[in-house]
C-alpha atoms as a PDB file:
ATOM      1  CA  MET A   1     -28.993 -23.427 -95.405  1.00  0.00           C
ATOM      2  CA  ALA A   2     -31.425 -24.059 -92.527  1.00  0.00           C
ATOM      3  CA  GLY A   3     -31.163 -27.792 -93.238  1.00  0.00           C
ATOM      4  CA  CYS A   4     -27.379 -27.663 -92.681  1.00  0.00           C
ATOM      5  CA  ILE A   5     -27.782 -25.836 -89.373  1.00  0.00           C
ATOM      6  CA  THR A   6     -30.356 -28.384 -88.208  1.00  0.00           C
ATOM      7  CA  LEU A   7     -28.126 -31.284 -89.277  1.00  0.00           C
ATOM      8  CA  THR A   8     -25.115 -29.759 -87.515  1.00  0.00           C
ATOM      9  CA  SER A   9     -27.168 -29.163 -84.377  1.00  0.00           C
ATOM     10  CA  CYS A  10     -28.367 -32.767 -84.483  1.00  0.00           C
ATOM     11  CA  ASP A  11     -24.798 -33.993 -84.901  1.00  0.00           C
ATOM     12  CA  ILE A  12     -23.703 -31.976 -81.858  1.00  0.00           C
ATOM     13  CA  VAL A  13     -26.627 -33.274 -79.791  1.00  0.00           C
ATOM     14  CA  ASN A  14     -25.832 -36.866 -80.863  1.00  0.00           C
ATOM     15  CA  GLN A  15     -22.138 -36.416 -79.972  1.00  0.00           C
ATOM     16  CA  LEU A  16     -23.026 -35.023 -76.532  1.00  0.00           C
ATOM     17  CA  ALA A  17     -25.528 -37.842 -75.975  1.00  0.00           C
ATOM     18  CA  GLY A  18     -22.807 -40.356 -76.835  1.00  0.00           C
ATOM     19  CA  GLN A  19     -20.405 -38.666 -74.398  1.00  0.00           C
ATOM     20  CA  VAL A  20     -23.034 -38.690 -71.652  1.00  0.00           C
ATOM     21  CA  GLN A  21     -23.622 -42.417 -72.321  1.00  0.00           C
ATOM     22  CA  SER A  22     -19.836 -43.010 -72.058  1.00  0.00           C
ATOM     23  CA  VAL A  23     -19.863 -41.244 -68.671  1.00  0.00           C
ATOM     24  CA  ALA A  24     -22.701 -43.466 -67.491  1.00  0.00           C
ATOM     25  CA  ASN A  25     -20.914 -46.570 -68.785  1.00  0.00           C
ATOM     26  CA  LEU A  26     -17.636 -45.574 -67.141  1.00  0.00           C
ATOM     27  CA  ALA A  27     -19.481 -45.438 -63.805  1.00  0.00           C
ATOM     28  CA  ASN A  28     -20.470 -49.100 -64.358  1.00  0.00           C
ATOM     29  CA  CYS A  29     -16.919 -50.250 -65.074  1.00  0.00           C
ATOM     30  CA  ASP A  30     -14.908 -52.378 -62.653  1.00  0.00           C
ATOM     31  CA  PHE A  31     -11.381 -51.103 -61.907  1.00  0.00           C
ATOM     32  CA  SER A  32      -8.729 -53.486 -60.576  1.00  0.00           C
ATOM     33  CA  LEU A  33      -4.970 -53.657 -60.212  1.00  0.00           C
ATOM     34  CA  LYS A  34      -3.628 -56.010 -62.870  1.00  0.00           C
ATOM     35  CA  ASN A  35       0.074 -55.916 -61.978  1.00  0.00           C
ATOM     36  CA  VAL A  36       3.207 -53.864 -61.535  1.00  0.00           C
ATOM     37  CA  ASN A  37       6.073 -54.247 -64.033  1.00  0.00           C
ATOM     38  CA  ASN A  38       9.547 -52.858 -64.563  1.00  0.00           C
ATOM     39  CA  VAL A  39      10.090 -51.994 -60.905  1.00  0.00           C
ATOM     40  CA  SER A  40      13.443 -50.404 -60.201  1.00  0.00           C
ATOM     41  CA  VAL A  41      14.829 -48.893 -57.019  1.00  0.00           C
ATOM     42  CA  ALA A  42      17.834 -46.585 -57.467  1.00  0.00           C
ATOM     43  CA  GLY A  43      18.127 -47.897 -61.021  1.00  0.00           C
ATOM     44  CA  VAL A  44      18.336 -51.526 -59.832  1.00  0.00           C
ATOM     45  CA  ASN A  45      15.760 -53.973 -61.184  1.00  0.00           C
ATOM     46  CA  VAL A  46      13.809 -55.340 -58.211  1.00  0.00           C
ATOM     47  CA  LYS A  47      13.888 -58.844 -59.735  1.00  0.00           C
ATOM     48  CA  ASN A  48      17.702 -58.806 -59.455  1.00  0.00           C
ATOM     49  CA  LEU A  49      17.396 -57.735 -55.841  1.00  0.00           C
ATOM     50  CA  THR A  50      14.866 -60.423 -54.894  1.00  0.00           C
ATOM     51  CA  GLN A  51      16.718 -63.170 -56.793  1.00  0.00           C
ATOM     52  CA  GLY A  52      20.079 -62.238 -55.279  1.00  0.00           C
ATOM     53  CA  LYS A  53      21.544 -61.434 -58.694  1.00  0.00           C
ATOM     54  CA  LEU A  54      23.036 -58.078 -57.811  1.00  0.00           C
ATOM     55  CA  SER A  55      26.082 -56.845 -59.656  1.00  0.00           C
ATOM     56  CA  ALA A  56      28.756 -54.760 -57.962  1.00  0.00           C
ATOM     57  CA  THR A  57      27.271 -51.714 -59.693  1.00  0.00           C
ATOM     58  CA  ASP A  58      23.822 -52.549 -58.316  1.00  0.00           C
ATOM     59  CA  VAL A  59      25.201 -52.724 -54.773  1.00  0.00           C
ATOM     60  CA  VAL A  60      27.041 -49.409 -55.186  1.00  0.00           C
ATOM     61  CA  ASN A  61      23.865 -47.762 -56.544  1.00  0.00           C
ATOM     62  CA  LEU A  62      21.721 -49.040 -53.668  1.00  0.00           C
ATOM     63  CA  VAL A  63      24.213 -48.062 -50.974  1.00  0.00           C
ATOM     64  CA  ALA A  64      24.706 -44.602 -52.493  1.00  0.00           C
ATOM     65  CA  ALA A  65      20.945 -44.064 -52.773  1.00  0.00           C
ATOM     66  CA  TYR A  66      20.390 -45.103 -49.194  1.00  0.00           C
ATOM     67  CA  GLN A  67      23.235 -42.947 -47.865  1.00  0.00           C
ATOM     68  CA  THR A  68      22.133 -39.845 -49.779  1.00  0.00           C
ATOM     69  CA  LYS A  69      18.473 -40.497 -48.873  1.00  0.00           C
ATOM     70  CA  GLN A  70      17.586 -40.263 -52.569  1.00  0.00           C
ATOM     71  CA  VAL A  71      15.984 -43.571 -53.504  1.00  0.00           C
ATOM     72  CA  PRO A  72      14.299 -43.205 -56.904  1.00  0.00           C
ATOM     73  CA  LEU A  73      11.485 -45.638 -57.598  1.00  0.00           C
ATOM     74  CA  ALA A  74      10.188 -46.259 -61.110  1.00  0.00           C
ATOM     75  CA  MET A  75       7.504 -48.741 -62.117  1.00  0.00           C
ATOM     76  CA  ASP A  76       4.700 -49.380 -64.540  1.00  0.00           C
ATOM     77  CA  VAL A  77       1.377 -49.953 -62.792  1.00  0.00           C
ATOM     78  CA  ASN A  78      -1.278 -51.610 -64.963  1.00  0.00           C
ATOM     79  CA  VAL A  79      -4.941 -50.988 -64.185  1.00  0.00           C
ATOM     80  CA  ASN A  80      -7.672 -53.194 -65.683  1.00  0.00           C
ATOM     81  CA  VAL A  81     -10.926 -51.470 -66.639  1.00  0.00           C
ATOM     82  CA  LYS A  82     -13.715 -53.988 -67.279  1.00  0.00           C
ATOM     83  CA  ASN A  83     -16.789 -52.735 -69.114  1.00  0.00           C
ATOM     84  CA  PRO A  84     -19.770 -55.022 -68.387  1.00  0.00           C
ATOM     85  CA  THR A  85     -22.203 -52.933 -70.463  1.00  0.00           C
ATOM     86  CA  LYS A  86     -23.309 -53.399 -74.060  1.00  0.00           C
ATOM     87  CA  THR A  87     -21.988 -49.986 -75.149  1.00  0.00           C
ATOM     88  CA  GLN A  88     -18.514 -48.495 -74.993  1.00  0.00           C
ATOM     89  CA  ALA A  89     -17.112 -46.509 -72.107  1.00  0.00           C
ATOM     90  CA  ALA A  90     -14.382 -43.912 -72.392  1.00  0.00           C
ATOM     91  CA  LEU A  91     -12.016 -42.108 -70.102  1.00  0.00           C
ATOM     92  CA  THR A  92      -9.788 -39.167 -70.975  1.00  0.00           C
ATOM     93  CA  ALA A  93      -7.599 -38.980 -67.865  1.00  0.00           C
ATOM     94  CA  MET A  94      -6.850 -40.828 -64.656  1.00  0.00           C
ATOM     95  CA  ASP A  95      -5.533 -39.274 -61.442  1.00  0.00           C
ATOM     96  CA  TRP A  96      -3.646 -41.720 -59.242  1.00  0.00           C
ATOM     97  CA  ILE A  97      -2.197 -41.940 -55.731  1.00  0.00           C
ATOM     98  CA  LEU A  98       0.433 -44.558 -54.877  1.00  0.00           C
ATOM     99  CA  ALA A  99       0.852 -45.813 -51.310  1.00  0.00           C
ATOM    100  CA  ILE A 100       3.569 -48.007 -49.842  1.00  0.00           C
ATOM    101  CA  ASP A 101       2.845 -49.698 -46.531  1.00  0.00           C
ATOM    102  CA  GLY A 102      -0.251 -47.516 -46.174  1.00  0.00           C
ATOM    103  CA  SER A 103       1.572 -44.196 -46.645  1.00  0.00           C
ATOM    104  CA  ASP A 104       0.928 -42.064 -49.737  1.00  0.00           C
ATOM    105  CA  VAL A 105       4.266 -41.578 -51.504  1.00  0.00           C
ATOM    106  CA  ALA A 106       3.398 -40.305 -54.977  1.00  0.00           C
ATOM    107  CA  ASN A 107       0.583 -38.993 -57.111  1.00  0.00           C
ATOM    108  CA  GLY A 108       0.095 -38.021 -60.695  1.00  0.00           C
ATOM    109  CA  VAL A 109      -2.195 -38.022 -63.676  1.00  0.00           C
ATOM    110  CA  SER A 110      -2.260 -39.931 -66.927  1.00  0.00           C
ATOM    111  CA  ASN A 111      -3.808 -37.806 -69.661  1.00  0.00           C
ATOM    112  CA  LYS A 112      -3.948 -40.569 -72.258  1.00  0.00           C
ATOM    113  CA  GLY A 113      -7.499 -41.397 -73.271  1.00  0.00           C
ATOM    114  CA  PHE A 114      -8.834 -44.939 -73.494  1.00  0.00           C
ATOM    115  CA  THR A 115     -11.969 -46.477 -74.920  1.00  0.00           C
ATOM    116  CA  VAL A 116     -13.253 -49.656 -73.312  1.00  0.00           C
ATOM    117  CA  LYS A 117     -15.333 -51.636 -75.758  1.00  0.00           C
ATOM    118  CA  PRO A 118     -18.531 -53.356 -74.631  1.00  0.00           C
ATOM    119  CA  SER A 119     -18.064 -56.532 -72.576  1.00  0.00           C
ATOM    120  CA  THR A 120     -14.251 -56.268 -72.628  1.00  0.00           C
ATOM    121  CA  THR A 121     -11.361 -55.367 -70.348  1.00  0.00           C
ATOM    122  CA  THR A 122      -8.776 -52.746 -71.281  1.00  0.00           C
ATOM    123  CA  THR A 123      -5.455 -52.302 -69.500  1.00  0.00           C
ATOM    124  CA  VAL A 124      -4.505 -48.712 -68.674  1.00  0.00           C
ATOM    125  CA  PRO A 125      -0.766 -48.311 -67.952  1.00  0.00           C
ATOM    126  CA  LEU A 126       0.413 -45.712 -65.434  1.00  0.00           C
ATOM    127  CA  GLY A 127       4.096 -44.744 -65.316  1.00  0.00           C
ATOM    128  CA  VAL A 128       5.063 -44.053 -61.703  1.00  0.00           C
ATOM    129  CA  LYS A 129       8.244 -42.257 -60.673  1.00  0.00           C
ATOM    130  CA  THR A 130       8.991 -40.953 -57.196  1.00  0.00           C
ATOM    131  CA  ASP A 131      11.699 -40.673 -54.575  1.00  0.00           C
ATOM    132  CA  LEU A 132      11.397 -43.000 -51.600  1.00  0.00           C
ATOM    133  CA  GLY A 133      14.365 -41.593 -49.692  1.00  0.00           C
ATOM    134  CA  ASN A 134      12.283 -40.287 -46.793  1.00  0.00           C
ATOM    135  CA  VAL A 135      10.248 -43.484 -46.559  1.00  0.00           C
ATOM    136  CA  PHE A 136      13.226 -45.812 -46.321  1.00  0.00           C
ATOM    137  CA  SER A 137      15.605 -43.532 -44.398  1.00  0.00           C
ATOM    138  CA  SER A 138      13.182 -43.347 -41.474  1.00  0.00           C
ATOM    139  CA  LYS A 139      12.412 -47.084 -41.485  1.00  0.00           C
ATOM    140  CA  GLY A 140      15.901 -48.430 -42.202  1.00  0.00           C
ATOM    141  CA  VAL A 141      17.509 -50.452 -44.965  1.00  0.00           C
ATOM    142  CA  GLU A 142      15.556 -53.560 -43.906  1.00  0.00           C
ATOM    143  CA  SER A 143      12.329 -51.833 -45.040  1.00  0.00           C
ATOM    144  CA  LEU A 144      13.847 -51.336 -48.501  1.00  0.00           C
ATOM    145  CA  LYS A 145      14.714 -55.039 -48.640  1.00  0.00           C
ATOM    146  CA  ASN A 146      11.199 -55.996 -47.459  1.00  0.00           C
ATOM    147  CA  PHE A 147       9.635 -53.742 -50.092  1.00  0.00           C
ATOM    148  CA  ALA A 148      11.702 -55.233 -52.906  1.00  0.00           C
ATOM    149  CA  SER A 149      11.053 -58.818 -51.806  1.00  0.00           C
ATOM    150  CA  SER A 150       7.285 -58.228 -51.506  1.00  0.00           C
ATOM    151  CA  PHE A 151       6.732 -58.494 -55.277  1.00  0.00           C
ATOM    152  CA  THR A 152       5.379 -61.798 -56.581  1.00  0.00           C
ATOM    153  CA  THR A 153       6.176 -63.218 -59.990  1.00  0.00           C
ATOM    154  CA  GLU A 154       2.760 -61.868 -61.100  1.00  0.00           C
ATOM    155  CA  GLY A 155       3.998 -58.343 -60.346  1.00  0.00           C
ATOM    156  CA  VAL A 156       1.853 -57.797 -57.273  1.00  0.00           C
ATOM    157  CA  SER A 157       3.005 -56.548 -53.886  1.00  0.00           C
ATOM    158  CA  SER A 158       1.087 -56.458 -50.624  1.00  0.00           C
ATOM    159  CA  LYS A 159       3.043 -53.299 -49.793  1.00  0.00           C
ATOM    160  CA  VAL A 160       1.853 -51.310 -52.847  1.00  0.00           C
ATOM    161  CA  GLY A 161      -1.586 -49.709 -52.891  1.00  0.00           C
ATOM    162  CA  LEU A 162      -3.170 -47.594 -55.580  1.00  0.00           C
ATOM    163  CA  ARG A 163      -6.176 -45.313 -55.749  1.00  0.00           C
ATOM    164  CA  VAL A 164      -7.418 -43.910 -59.066  1.00  0.00           C
ATOM    165  CA  ARG A 165      -9.966 -41.334 -60.134  1.00  0.00           C
ATOM    166  CA  PRO A 166     -10.904 -41.544 -63.826  1.00  0.00           C
ATOM    167  CA  SER A 167     -12.203 -38.555 -65.772  1.00  0.00           C
ATOM    168  CA  LEU A 168     -14.095 -38.059 -68.992  1.00  0.00           C
ATOM    169  CA  SER A 169     -14.515 -34.989 -71.169  1.00  0.00           C
ATOM    170  CA  VAL A 170     -18.089 -33.939 -71.823  1.00  0.00           C
ATOM    171  CA  GLY A 171     -17.993 -31.235 -74.426  1.00  0.00           C
ATOM    172  CA  SER A 172     -15.051 -29.081 -73.327  1.00  0.00           C
ATOM    173  CA  THR A 173     -15.438 -29.899 -69.615  1.00  0.00           C
ATOM    174  CA  GLN A 174     -13.349 -32.511 -67.780  1.00  0.00           C
ATOM    175  CA  VAL A 175     -15.620 -34.495 -65.428  1.00  0.00           C
ATOM    176  CA  PRO A 176     -13.778 -36.566 -62.778  1.00  0.00           C
ATOM    177  CA  PHE A 177     -15.327 -39.286 -60.637  1.00  0.00           C
ATOM    178  CA  PRO A 178     -16.357 -37.758 -57.301  1.00  0.00           C
ATOM    179  CA  ASN A 179     -14.082 -40.078 -55.275  1.00  0.00           C
ATOM    180  CA  TYR A 180     -10.943 -42.130 -55.689  1.00  0.00           C
ATOM    181  CA  ILE A 181     -11.332 -45.888 -56.235  1.00  0.00           C
ATOM    182  CA  LYS A 182      -9.099 -48.151 -54.134  1.00  0.00           C
ATOM    183  CA  LEU A 183      -7.672 -50.840 -56.391  1.00  0.00           C
ATOM    184  CA  GLU A 184      -7.023 -54.401 -55.405  1.00  0.00           C
ATOM    185  CA  LYS A 185      -5.604 -57.295 -57.374  1.00  0.00           C
ATOM    186  CA  LYS A 186      -8.449 -59.413 -58.767  1.00  0.00           C
ATOM    187  CA  THR A 187      -7.660 -63.081 -59.139  1.00  0.00           C
ATOM    188  CA  GLY A 188      -9.188 -65.468 -61.630  1.00  0.00           C
ATOM    189  CA  ARG A 189     -10.317 -62.665 -63.931  1.00  0.00           C
ATOM    190  CA  GLY A 190      -8.661 -61.010 -66.927  1.00  0.00           C
END
């Protein structure tokens, strides 16, 4: 019986040591903004807006959203996490703050866990939904047009900024990074 208790204690110590190593490895990871996909404003795909392919329904939706000052924004923001170490890194949650033109407009948390294998890059998707009515009503309809047209074919916009703060569970405790990481689009790297 004592042998089982010792083995169980060793297993627990080994699991905690592995979690501590994952925390250390996560601190060595490089976080970057990969791209932004599926961007819609008031239910209108931003690609249609920038390519001038608006239907009559799209125009009605945009005008109604602007007039009611309820401009829903939905998009998928993809964050690359590159692990340069020789052992895996893991995160259990990621807090995020979205900014448009330097103003924070939304925040949230993704509670989906990810493991980043050694010497690889993993993409962590964040689903963002918010209302931009106040942002665009104060700056005018031209600011909405400028926002929509700022997206490149790669899904990157100079108007969109993102800060993230990853977390990892150690035992039963959630341990977040001490500060948010400002993400920028990295070019020439996966």
